Every structure is written in structure tokens, then in C-alpha cells.
mmCIF file of all heavy atoms, coordinates in Angstrom:
data_MODEL
# 
_entry.id   MODEL 
# 
loop_
_atom_site.group_PDB 
_atom_site.id 
_atom_site.type_symbol 
_atom_site.label_atom_id 
_atom_site.label_alt_id 
_atom_site.label_comp_id 
_atom_site.label_asym_id 
_atom_site.label_entity_id 
_atom_site.label_seq_id 
_atom_site.pdbx_PDB_ins_code 
_atom_site.Cartn_x 
_atom_site.Cartn_y 
_atom_site.Cartn_z 
_atom_site.occupancy 
_atom_site.B_iso_or_equiv 
_atom_site.pdbx_formal_charge 
_atom_site.auth_seq_id 
_atom_site.auth_comp_id 
_atom_site.auth_asym_id 
_atom_site.auth_atom_id 
_atom_site.pdbx_PDB_model_num 
ATOM 1   N N   . ASP A 1 1  ? 0.861  -1.181  0.000   1.00 0.00 ? 1  ASP A N   1 
ATOM 2   C CA  . ASP A 1 1  ? 0.000  0.000   0.000   1.00 0.00 ? 1  ASP A CA  1 
ATOM 3   C C   . ASP A 1 1  ? 0.897  1.230   0.000   1.00 0.00 ? 1  ASP A C   1 
ATOM 4   O O   . ASP A 1 1  ? 1.740  1.378   0.888   1.00 0.00 ? 1  ASP A O   1 
ATOM 5   C CB  . ASP A 1 1  ? -0.911 0.030   1.230   1.00 0.00 ? 1  ASP A CB  1 
ATOM 6   C CG  . ASP A 1 1  ? -1.921 -1.102  1.221   1.00 0.00 ? 1  ASP A CG  1 
ATOM 7   O OD1 . ASP A 1 1  ? -2.424 -1.425  0.137   1.00 0.00 ? 1  ASP A OD1 1 
ATOM 8   O OD2 . ASP A 1 1  ? -2.200 -1.655  2.294   1.00 0.00 ? 1  ASP A OD2 1 
ATOM 9   N N   . THR A 1 2  ? 0.714  2.092   -1.001  1.00 0.00 ? 2  THR A N   1 
ATOM 10  C CA  . THR A 1 2  ? 1.538  3.291   -1.102  1.00 0.00 ? 2  THR A CA  1 
ATOM 11  C C   . THR A 1 2  ? 0.682  4.548   -1.059  1.00 0.00 ? 2  THR A C   1 
ATOM 12  O O   . THR A 1 2  ? -0.517 4.514   -1.349  1.00 0.00 ? 2  THR A O   1 
ATOM 13  C CB  . THR A 1 2  ? 2.349  3.314   -2.413  1.00 0.00 ? 2  THR A CB  1 
ATOM 14  O OG1 . THR A 1 2  ? 1.439  3.284   -3.513  1.00 0.00 ? 2  THR A OG1 1 
ATOM 15  C CG2 . THR A 1 2  ? 3.311  2.164   -2.501  1.00 0.00 ? 2  THR A CG2 1 
ATOM 16  N N   . GLN A 1 3  ? 1.338  5.631   -0.707  1.00 0.00 ? 3  GLN A N   1 
ATOM 17  C CA  . GLN A 1 3  ? 0.710  6.949   -0.733  1.00 0.00 ? 3  GLN A CA  1 
ATOM 18  C C   . GLN A 1 3  ? 1.695  7.895   -1.399  1.00 0.00 ? 3  GLN A C   1 
ATOM 19  O O   . GLN A 1 3  ? 2.844  7.999   -0.971  1.00 0.00 ? 3  GLN A O   1 
ATOM 20  C CB  . GLN A 1 3  ? 0.395  7.433   0.673   1.00 0.00 ? 3  GLN A CB  1 
ATOM 21  C CG  . GLN A 1 3  ? -0.232 8.808   0.714   1.00 0.00 ? 3  GLN A CG  1 
ATOM 22  C CD  . GLN A 1 3  ? -0.691 9.180   2.103   1.00 0.00 ? 3  GLN A CD  1 
ATOM 23  O OE1 . GLN A 1 3  ? -1.127 8.328   2.867   1.00 0.00 ? 3  GLN A OE1 1 
ATOM 24  N NE2 . GLN A 1 3  ? -0.593 10.452  2.438   1.00 0.00 ? 3  GLN A NE2 1 
ATOM 25  N N   . THR A 1 4  ? 1.260  8.551   -2.454  1.00 0.00 ? 4  THR A N   1 
ATOM 26  C CA  . THR A 1 4  ? 2.087  9.522   -3.155  1.00 0.00 ? 4  THR A CA  1 
ATOM 27  C C   . THR A 1 4  ? 1.468  10.893  -2.944  1.00 0.00 ? 4  THR A C   1 
ATOM 28  O O   . THR A 1 4  ? 0.291  11.094  -3.247  1.00 0.00 ? 4  THR A O   1 
ATOM 29  C CB  . THR A 1 4  ? 2.177  9.186   -4.656  1.00 0.00 ? 4  THR A CB  1 
ATOM 30  O OG1 . THR A 1 4  ? 2.722  7.863   -4.794  1.00 0.00 ? 4  THR A OG1 1 
ATOM 31  C CG2 . THR A 1 4  ? 3.053  10.177  -5.397  1.00 0.00 ? 4  THR A CG2 1 
ATOM 32  N N   . GLU A 1 5  ? 2.277  11.806  -2.412  1.00 0.00 ? 5  GLU A N   1 
ATOM 33  C CA  . GLU A 1 5  ? 1.793  13.152  -2.109  1.00 0.00 ? 5  GLU A CA  1 
ATOM 34  C C   . GLU A 1 5  ? 2.491  14.154  -3.018  1.00 0.00 ? 5  GLU A C   1 
ATOM 35  O O   . GLU A 1 5  ? 3.693  14.049  -3.263  1.00 0.00 ? 5  GLU A O   1 
ATOM 36  C CB  . GLU A 1 5  ? 2.069  13.505  -0.645  1.00 0.00 ? 5  GLU A CB  1 
ATOM 37  C CG  . GLU A 1 5  ? 1.384  12.563  0.314   1.00 0.00 ? 5  GLU A CG  1 
ATOM 38  C CD  . GLU A 1 5  ? 1.839  12.730  1.754   1.00 0.00 ? 5  GLU A CD  1 
ATOM 39  O OE1 . GLU A 1 5  ? 2.956  13.235  1.992   1.00 0.00 ? 5  GLU A OE1 1 
ATOM 40  O OE2 . GLU A 1 5  ? 1.064  12.335  2.636   1.00 0.00 ? 5  GLU A OE2 1 
ATOM 41  N N   . ILE A 1 6  ? 1.720  15.118  -3.514  1.00 0.00 ? 6  ILE A N   1 
ATOM 42  C CA  . ILE A 1 6  ? 2.231  16.165  -4.374  1.00 0.00 ? 6  ILE A CA  1 
ATOM 43  C C   . ILE A 1 6  ? 2.115  17.490  -3.613  1.00 0.00 ? 6  ILE A C   1 
ATOM 44  O O   . ILE A 1 6  ? 1.022  17.867  -3.197  1.00 0.00 ? 6  ILE A O   1 
ATOM 45  C CB  . ILE A 1 6  ? 1.427  16.284  -5.692  1.00 0.00 ? 6  ILE A CB  1 
ATOM 46  C CG1 . ILE A 1 6  ? 1.253  14.920  -6.369  1.00 0.00 ? 6  ILE A CG1 1 
ATOM 47  C CG2 . ILE A 1 6  ? 2.048  17.316  -6.613  1.00 0.00 ? 6  ILE A CG2 1 
ATOM 48  C CD1 . ILE A 1 6  ? 2.520  14.280  -6.834  1.00 0.00 ? 6  ILE A CD1 1 
ATOM 49  N N   . TYR A 1 7  ? 3.256  18.166  -3.424  1.00 0.00 ? 7  TYR A N   1 
ATOM 50  C CA  . TYR A 1 7  ? 3.293  19.434  -2.713  1.00 0.00 ? 7  TYR A CA  1 
ATOM 51  C C   . TYR A 1 7  ? 3.640  20.562  -3.678  1.00 0.00 ? 7  TYR A C   1 
ATOM 52  O O   . TYR A 1 7  ? 4.580  20.432  -4.472  1.00 0.00 ? 7  TYR A O   1 
ATOM 53  C CB  . TYR A 1 7  ? 4.352  19.413  -1.604  1.00 0.00 ? 7  TYR A CB  1 
ATOM 54  C CG  . TYR A 1 7  ? 4.014  18.483  -0.473  1.00 0.00 ? 7  TYR A CG  1 
ATOM 55  C CD1 . TYR A 1 7  ? 4.391  17.143  -0.504  1.00 0.00 ? 7  TYR A CD1 1 
ATOM 56  C CD2 . TYR A 1 7  ? 3.320  18.946  0.636   1.00 0.00 ? 7  TYR A CD2 1 
ATOM 57  C CE1 . TYR A 1 7  ? 4.080  16.285  0.531   1.00 0.00 ? 7  TYR A CE1 1 
ATOM 58  C CE2 . TYR A 1 7  ? 3.001  18.092  1.688   1.00 0.00 ? 7  TYR A CE2 1 
ATOM 59  C CZ  . TYR A 1 7  ? 3.387  16.761  1.625   1.00 0.00 ? 7  TYR A CZ  1 
ATOM 60  O OH  . TYR A 1 7  ? 3.071  15.912  2.658   1.00 0.00 ? 7  TYR A OH  1 
ATOM 61  N N   . ASP A 1 8  ? 2.904  21.657  -3.592  1.00 0.00 ? 8  ASP A N   1 
ATOM 62  C CA  . ASP A 1 8  ? 3.215  22.856  -4.349  1.00 0.00 ? 8  ASP A CA  1 
ATOM 63  C C   . ASP A 1 8  ? 4.092  23.723  -3.455  1.00 0.00 ? 8  ASP A C   1 
ATOM 64  O O   . ASP A 1 8  ? 3.660  24.181  -2.396  1.00 0.00 ? 8  ASP A O   1 
ATOM 65  C CB  . ASP A 1 8  ? 1.926  23.603  -4.719  1.00 0.00 ? 8  ASP A CB  1 
ATOM 66  C CG  . ASP A 1 8  ? 2.196  24.918  -5.422  1.00 0.00 ? 8  ASP A CG  1 
ATOM 67  O OD1 . ASP A 1 8  ? 3.160  24.992  -6.207  1.00 0.00 ? 8  ASP A OD1 1 
ATOM 68  O OD2 . ASP A 1 8  ? 1.439  25.881  -5.174  1.00 0.00 ? 8  ASP A OD2 1 
ATOM 69  N N   . MET A 1 9  ? 5.322  23.939  -3.835  1.00 0.00 ? 9  MET A N   1 
ATOM 70  C CA  . MET A 1 9  ? 6.264  24.685  -3.012  1.00 0.00 ? 9  MET A CA  1 
ATOM 71  C C   . MET A 1 9  ? 5.974  26.190  -3.023  1.00 0.00 ? 9  MET A C   1 
ATOM 72  O O   . MET A 1 9  ? 6.326  26.892  -2.082  1.00 0.00 ? 9  MET A O   1 
ATOM 73  C CB  . MET A 1 9  ? 7.704  24.417  -3.473  1.00 0.00 ? 9  MET A CB  1 
ATOM 74  C CG  . MET A 1 9  ? 8.125  22.957  -3.334  1.00 0.00 ? 9  MET A CG  1 
ATOM 75  S SD  . MET A 1 9  ? 7.857  22.271  -1.686  1.00 0.00 ? 9  MET A SD  1 
ATOM 76  C CE  . MET A 1 9  ? 9.090  23.158  -0.754  1.00 0.00 ? 9  MET A CE  1 
ATOM 77  N N   . ASN A 1 10 ? 5.301  26.690  -4.065  1.00 0.00 ? 10 ASN A N   1 
ATOM 78  C CA  . ASN A 1 10 ? 4.971  28.115  -4.114  1.00 0.00 ? 10 ASN A CA  1 
ATOM 79  C C   . ASN A 1 10 ? 3.946  28.489  -3.038  1.00 0.00 ? 10 ASN A C   1 
ATOM 80  O O   . ASN A 1 10 ? 4.051  29.527  -2.411  1.00 0.00 ? 10 ASN A O   1 
ATOM 81  C CB  . ASN A 1 10 ? 4.457  28.513  -5.501  1.00 0.00 ? 10 ASN A CB  1 
ATOM 82  C CG  . ASN A 1 10 ? 5.532  28.350  -6.564  1.00 0.00 ? 10 ASN A CG  1 
ATOM 83  O OD1 . ASN A 1 10 ? 6.709  28.554  -6.308  1.00 0.00 ? 10 ASN A OD1 1 
ATOM 84  N ND2 . ASN A 1 10 ? 5.121  27.953  -7.751  1.00 0.00 ? 10 ASN A ND2 1 
ATOM 85  N N   . SER A 1 11 ? 2.950  27.627  -2.839  1.00 0.00 ? 11 SER A N   1 
ATOM 86  C CA  . SER A 1 11 ? 1.938  27.884  -1.807  1.00 0.00 ? 11 SER A CA  1 
ATOM 87  C C   . SER A 1 11 ? 2.258  27.133  -0.519  1.00 0.00 ? 11 SER A C   1 
ATOM 88  O O   . SER A 1 11 ? 1.557  27.283  0.476   1.00 0.00 ? 11 SER A O   1 
ATOM 89  C CB  . SER A 1 11 ? 0.548  27.491  -2.308  1.00 0.00 ? 11 SER A CB  1 
ATOM 90  O OG  . SER A 1 11 ? 0.491  26.092  -2.554  1.00 0.00 ? 11 SER A OG  1 
ATOM 91  N N   . ASN A 1 12 ? 3.286  26.285  -0.570  1.00 0.00 ? 12 ASN A N   1 
ATOM 92  C CA  . ASN A 1 12 ? 3.722  25.493  0.581   1.00 0.00 ? 12 ASN A CA  1 
ATOM 93  C C   . ASN A 1 12 ? 2.592  24.639  1.147   1.00 0.00 ? 12 ASN A C   1 
ATOM 94  O O   . ASN A 1 12 ? 2.350  24.616  2.358   1.00 0.00 ? 12 ASN A O   1 
ATOM 95  C CB  . ASN A 1 12 ? 4.328  26.389  1.668   1.00 0.00 ? 12 ASN A CB  1 
ATOM 96  C CG  . ASN A 1 12 ? 5.184  25.590  2.619   1.00 0.00 ? 12 ASN A CG  1 
ATOM 97  O OD1 . ASN A 1 12 ? 5.712  24.542  2.263   1.00 0.00 ? 12 ASN A OD1 1 
ATOM 98  N ND2 . ASN A 1 12 ? 5.310  26.067  3.836   1.00 0.00 ? 12 ASN A ND2 1 
ATOM 99  N N   . ARG A 1 13 ? 1.887  23.936  0.251   1.00 0.00 ? 13 ARG A N   1 
ATOM 100 C CA  . ARG A 1 13 ? 0.807  23.076  0.730   1.00 0.00 ? 13 ARG A CA  1 
ATOM 101 C C   . ARG A 1 13 ? 0.675  21.797  -0.098  1.00 0.00 ? 13 ARG A C   1 
ATOM 102 O O   . ARG A 1 13 ? 1.106  21.736  -1.244  1.00 0.00 ? 13 ARG A O   1 
ATOM 103 C CB  . ARG A 1 13 ? -0.506 23.818  0.776   1.00 0.00 ? 13 ARG A CB  1 
ATOM 104 C CG  . ARG A 1 13 ? -1.067 24.187  -0.570  1.00 0.00 ? 13 ARG A CG  1 
ATOM 105 C CD  . ARG A 1 13 ? -2.377 24.921  -0.393  1.00 0.00 ? 13 ARG A CD  1 
ATOM 106 N NE  . ARG A 1 13 ? -2.964 25.162  -1.684  1.00 0.00 ? 13 ARG A NE  1 
ATOM 107 C CZ  . ARG A 1 13 ? -4.223 25.397  -1.881  1.00 0.00 ? 13 ARG A CZ  1 
ATOM 108 N NH1 . ARG A 1 13 ? -5.044 25.436  -0.866  1.00 0.00 ? 13 ARG A NH1 1 
ATOM 109 N NH2 . ARG A 1 13 ? -4.683 25.591  -3.083  1.00 0.00 ? 13 ARG A NH2 1 
ATOM 110 N N   . LEU A 1 14 ? 0.060  20.832  0.547   1.00 0.00 ? 14 LEU A N   1 
ATOM 111 C CA  . LEU A 1 14 ? -0.227 19.554  -0.096  1.00 0.00 ? 14 LEU A CA  1 
ATOM 112 C C   . LEU A 1 14 ? -1.363 19.765  -1.081  1.00 0.00 ? 14 LEU A C   1 
ATOM 113 O O   . LEU A 1 14 ? -2.404 20.316  -0.738  1.00 0.00 ? 14 LEU A O   1 
ATOM 114 C CB  . LEU A 1 14 ? -0.614 18.520  0.970   1.00 0.00 ? 14 LEU A CB  1 
ATOM 115 C CG  . LEU A 1 14 ? -0.985 17.127  0.507   1.00 0.00 ? 14 LEU A CG  1 
ATOM 116 C CD1 . LEU A 1 14 ? 0.174  16.455  -0.213  1.00 0.00 ? 14 LEU A CD1 1 
ATOM 117 C CD2 . LEU A 1 14 ? -1.418 16.281  1.706   1.00 0.00 ? 14 LEU A CD2 1 
ATOM 118 N N   . VAL A 1 15 ? -1.153 19.335  -2.320  1.00 0.00 ? 15 VAL A N   1 
ATOM 119 C CA  . VAL A 1 15 ? -2.122 19.552  -3.378  1.00 0.00 ? 15 VAL A CA  1 
ATOM 120 C C   . VAL A 1 15 ? -2.954 18.306  -3.652  1.00 0.00 ? 15 VAL A C   1 
ATOM 121 O O   . VAL A 1 15 ? -4.163 18.377  -3.822  1.00 0.00 ? 15 VAL A O   1 
ATOM 122 C CB  . VAL A 1 15 ? -1.395 19.975  -4.677  1.00 0.00 ? 15 VAL A CB  1 
ATOM 123 C CG1 . VAL A 1 15 ? -2.369 20.078  -5.829  1.00 0.00 ? 15 VAL A CG1 1 
ATOM 124 C CG2 . VAL A 1 15 ? -0.658 21.270  -4.482  1.00 0.00 ? 15 VAL A CG2 1 
ATOM 125 N N   . LEU A 1 16 ? -2.292 17.159  -3.700  1.00 0.00 ? 16 LEU A N   1 
ATOM 126 C CA  . LEU A 1 16 ? -2.954 15.947  -4.176  1.00 0.00 ? 16 LEU A CA  1 
ATOM 127 C C   . LEU A 1 16 ? -2.323 14.732  -3.518  1.00 0.00 ? 16 LEU A C   1 
ATOM 128 O O   . LEU A 1 16 ? -1.121 14.702  -3.279  1.00 0.00 ? 16 LEU A O   1 
ATOM 129 C CB  . LEU A 1 16 ? -2.765 15.866  -5.702  1.00 0.00 ? 16 LEU A CB  1 
ATOM 130 C CG  . LEU A 1 16 ? -3.371 14.716  -6.473  1.00 0.00 ? 16 LEU A CG  1 
ATOM 131 C CD1 . LEU A 1 16 ? -4.879 14.831  -6.502  1.00 0.00 ? 16 LEU A CD1 1 
ATOM 132 C CD2 . LEU A 1 16 ? -2.835 14.708  -7.897  1.00 0.00 ? 16 LEU A CD2 1 
ATOM 133 N N   . THR A 1 17 ? -3.140 13.747  -3.211  1.00 0.00 ? 17 THR A N   1 
ATOM 134 C CA  . THR A 1 17 ? -2.651 12.478  -2.688  1.00 0.00 ? 17 THR A CA  1 
ATOM 135 C C   . THR A 1 17 ? -3.187 11.353  -3.560  1.00 0.00 ? 17 THR A C   1 
ATOM 136 O O   . THR A 1 17 ? -4.374 11.320  -3.872  1.00 0.00 ? 17 THR A O   1 
ATOM 137 C CB  . THR A 1 17 ? -3.116 12.263  -1.229  1.00 0.00 ? 17 THR A CB  1 
ATOM 138 O OG1 . THR A 1 17 ? -2.602 13.313  -0.425  1.00 0.00 ? 17 THR A OG1 1 
ATOM 139 C CG2 . THR A 1 17 ? -2.626 10.938  -0.679  1.00 0.00 ? 17 THR A CG2 1 
ATOM 140 N N   . VAL A 1 18 ? -2.304 10.452  -3.950  1.00 0.00 ? 18 VAL A N   1 
ATOM 141 C CA  . VAL A 1 18 ? -2.699 9.278   -4.731  1.00 0.00 ? 18 VAL A CA  1 
ATOM 142 C C   . VAL A 1 18 ? -2.396 8.045   -3.890  1.00 0.00 ? 18 VAL A C   1 
ATOM 143 O O   . VAL A 1 18 ? -1.264 7.833   -3.463  1.00 0.00 ? 18 VAL A O   1 
ATOM 144 C CB  . VAL A 1 18 ? -1.932 9.199   -6.070  1.00 0.00 ? 18 VAL A CB  1 
ATOM 145 C CG1 . VAL A 1 18 ? -2.299 7.941   -6.833  1.00 0.00 ? 18 VAL A CG1 1 
ATOM 146 C CG2 . VAL A 1 18 ? -2.186 10.438  -6.915  1.00 0.00 ? 18 VAL A CG2 1 
ATOM 147 N N   . LEU A 1 19 ? -3.415 7.244   -3.634  1.00 0.00 ? 19 LEU A N   1 
ATOM 148 C CA  . LEU A 1 19 ? -3.276 6.000   -2.887  1.00 0.00 ? 19 LEU A CA  1 
ATOM 149 C C   . LEU A 1 19 ? -3.262 4.845   -3.875  1.00 0.00 ? 19 LEU A C   1 
ATOM 150 O O   . LEU A 1 19 ? -3.981 4.870   -4.869  1.00 0.00 ? 19 LEU A O   1 
ATOM 151 C CB  . LEU A 1 19 ? -4.434 5.839   -1.904  1.00 0.00 ? 19 LEU A CB  1 
ATOM 152 C CG  . LEU A 1 19 ? -4.662 7.020   -0.953  1.00 0.00 ? 19 LEU A CG  1 
ATOM 153 C CD1 . LEU A 1 19 ? -5.946 6.818   -0.161  1.00 0.00 ? 19 LEU A CD1 1 
ATOM 154 C CD2 . LEU A 1 19 ? -3.482 7.202   -0.038  1.00 0.00 ? 19 LEU A CD2 1 
ATOM 155 N N   . ALA A 1 20 ? -2.448 3.851   -3.591  1.00 0.00 ? 20 ALA A N   1 
ATOM 156 C CA  . ALA A 1 20 ? -2.384 2.697   -4.497  1.00 0.00 ? 20 ALA A CA  1 
ATOM 157 C C   . ALA A 1 20 ? -2.151 1.423   -3.697  1.00 0.00 ? 20 ALA A C   1 
ATOM 158 O O   . ALA A 1 20 ? -1.469 1.441   -2.667  1.00 0.00 ? 20 ALA A O   1 
ATOM 159 C CB  . ALA A 1 20 ? -1.274 2.875   -5.519  1.00 0.00 ? 20 ALA A CB  1 
ATOM 160 N N   . THR A 1 21 ? -2.719 0.358   -4.185  1.00 0.00 ? 21 THR A N   1 
ATOM 161 C CA  . THR A 1 21 ? -2.462 -0.974  -3.647  1.00 0.00 ? 21 THR A CA  1 
ATOM 162 C C   . THR A 1 21 ? -1.927 -1.813  -4.793  1.00 0.00 ? 21 THR A C   1 
ATOM 163 O O   . THR A 1 21 ? -2.559 -1.912  -5.841  1.00 0.00 ? 21 THR A O   1 
ATOM 164 C CB  . THR A 1 21 ? -3.742 -1.605  -3.074  1.00 0.00 ? 21 THR A CB  1 
ATOM 165 O OG1 . THR A 1 21 ? -4.225 -0.762  -2.027  1.00 0.00 ? 21 THR A OG1 1 
ATOM 166 C CG2 . THR A 1 21 ? -3.478 -2.988  -2.533  1.00 0.00 ? 21 THR A CG2 1 
ATOM 167 N N   . THR A 1 22 ? -0.752 -2.369  -4.590  1.00 0.00 ? 22 THR A N   1 
ATOM 168 C CA  . THR A 1 22 ? -0.089 -3.163  -5.624  1.00 0.00 ? 22 THR A CA  1 
ATOM 169 C C   . THR A 1 22 ? 0.147  -4.566  -5.096  1.00 0.00 ? 22 THR A C   1 
ATOM 170 O O   . THR A 1 22 ? 0.551  -4.751  -3.962  1.00 0.00 ? 22 THR A O   1 
ATOM 171 C CB  . THR A 1 22 ? 1.266  -2.528  -6.001  1.00 0.00 ? 22 THR A CB  1 
ATOM 172 O OG1 . THR A 1 22 ? 1.042  -1.187  -6.427  1.00 0.00 ? 22 THR A OG1 1 
ATOM 173 C CG2 . THR A 1 22 ? 1.955  -3.301  -7.103  1.00 0.00 ? 22 THR A CG2 1 
ATOM 174 N N   . ARG A 1 23 ? -0.085 -5.543  -5.932  1.00 0.00 ? 23 ARG A N   1 
ATOM 175 C CA  . ARG A 1 23 ? 0.143  -6.946  -5.584  1.00 0.00 ? 23 ARG A CA  1 
ATOM 176 C C   . ARG A 1 23 ? 1.143  -7.492  -6.588  1.00 0.00 ? 23 ARG A C   1 
ATOM 177 O O   . ARG A 1 23 ? 0.884  -7.502  -7.788  1.00 0.00 ? 23 ARG A O   1 
ATOM 178 C CB  . ARG A 1 23 ? -1.167 -7.716  -5.637  1.00 0.00 ? 23 ARG A CB  1 
ATOM 179 C CG  . ARG A 1 23 ? -1.045 -9.172  -5.297  1.00 0.00 ? 23 ARG A CG  1 
ATOM 180 C CD  . ARG A 1 23 ? -2.445 -9.806  -5.352  1.00 0.00 ? 23 ARG A CD  1 
ATOM 181 N NE  . ARG A 1 23 ? -2.388 -11.213 -5.207  1.00 0.00 ? 23 ARG A NE  1 
ATOM 182 C CZ  . ARG A 1 23 ? -2.663 -11.861 -4.079  1.00 0.00 ? 23 ARG A CZ  1 
ATOM 183 N NH1 . ARG A 1 23 ? -3.024 -11.191 -3.019  1.00 0.00 ? 23 ARG A NH1 1 
ATOM 184 N NH2 . ARG A 1 23 ? -2.592 -13.167 -4.016  1.00 0.00 ? 23 ARG A NH2 1 
ATOM 185 N N   . ILE A 1 24 ? 2.287  -7.948  -6.073  1.00 0.00 ? 24 ILE A N   1 
ATOM 186 C CA  . ILE A 1 24 ? 3.309  -8.508  -6.951  1.00 0.00 ? 24 ILE A CA  1 
ATOM 187 C C   . ILE A 1 24 ? 3.633  -9.932  -6.523  1.00 0.00 ? 24 ILE A C   1 
ATOM 188 O O   . ILE A 1 24 ? 3.411  -10.301 -5.373  1.00 0.00 ? 24 ILE A O   1 
ATOM 189 C CB  . ILE A 1 24 ? 4.587  -7.637  -6.961  1.00 0.00 ? 24 ILE A CB  1 
ATOM 190 C CG1 . ILE A 1 24 ? 5.157  -7.501  -5.557  1.00 0.00 ? 24 ILE A CG1 1 
ATOM 191 C CG2 . ILE A 1 24 ? 4.310  -6.285  -7.570  1.00 0.00 ? 24 ILE A CG2 1 
ATOM 192 C CD1 . ILE A 1 24 ? 6.477  -6.773  -5.516  1.00 0.00 ? 24 ILE A CD1 1 
ATOM 193 N N   . GLN A 1 25 ? 4.169  -10.703 -7.429  1.00 0.00 ? 25 GLN A N   1 
ATOM 194 C CA  . GLN A 1 25 ? 4.406  -12.114 -7.176  1.00 0.00 ? 25 GLN A CA  1 
ATOM 195 C C   . GLN A 1 25 ? 5.845  -12.388 -6.757  1.00 0.00 ? 25 GLN A C   1 
ATOM 196 O O   . GLN A 1 25 ? 6.414  -13.400 -7.109  1.00 0.00 ? 25 GLN A O   1 
ATOM 197 C CB  . GLN A 1 25 ? 4.050  -12.946 -8.400  1.00 0.00 ? 25 GLN A CB  1 
ATOM 198 C CG  . GLN A 1 25 ? 4.071  -14.436 -8.110  1.00 0.00 ? 25 GLN A CG  1 
ATOM 199 C CD  . GLN A 1 25 ? 3.843  -15.230 -9.352  1.00 0.00 ? 25 GLN A CD  1 
ATOM 200 O OE1 . GLN A 1 25 ? 3.087  -14.855 -10.204 1.00 0.00 ? 25 GLN A OE1 1 
ATOM 201 N NE2 . GLN A 1 25 ? 4.489  -16.373 -9.450  1.00 0.00 ? 25 GLN A NE2 1 
ATOM 202 N N   . THR A 1 26 ? 6.449  -11.512 -6.006  1.00 0.00 ? 26 THR A N   1 
ATOM 203 C CA  . THR A 1 26 ? 7.792  -11.753 -5.503  1.00 0.00 ? 26 THR A CA  1 
ATOM 204 C C   . THR A 1 26 ? 7.895  -11.138 -4.119  1.00 0.00 ? 26 THR A C   1 
ATOM 205 O O   . THR A 1 26 ? 7.037  -10.378 -3.698  1.00 0.00 ? 26 THR A O   1 
ATOM 206 C CB  . THR A 1 26 ? 8.861  -11.103 -6.401  1.00 0.00 ? 26 THR A CB  1 
ATOM 207 O OG1 . THR A 1 26 ? 8.667  -9.695  -6.382  1.00 0.00 ? 26 THR A OG1 1 
ATOM 208 C CG2 . THR A 1 26 ? 8.828  -11.637 -7.798  1.00 0.00 ? 26 THR A CG2 1 
# 
């Protein structure tokens, strides 16, 4: 389970969060 966060440095704030669940065979 991952969380990717995108921050805008000009406004110094979190803009977007992308959550993902990945299943791999290793």
C-alpha cells in the first residue's frame, strides 16, 4: 500500500494524494 503526495512549493501546501495498492508475485 503506497501513498504519493504532491506538494506545491509556491503555496507550501499539499495539493494531491494518490493512494495505491499493488500486488506482486515476488
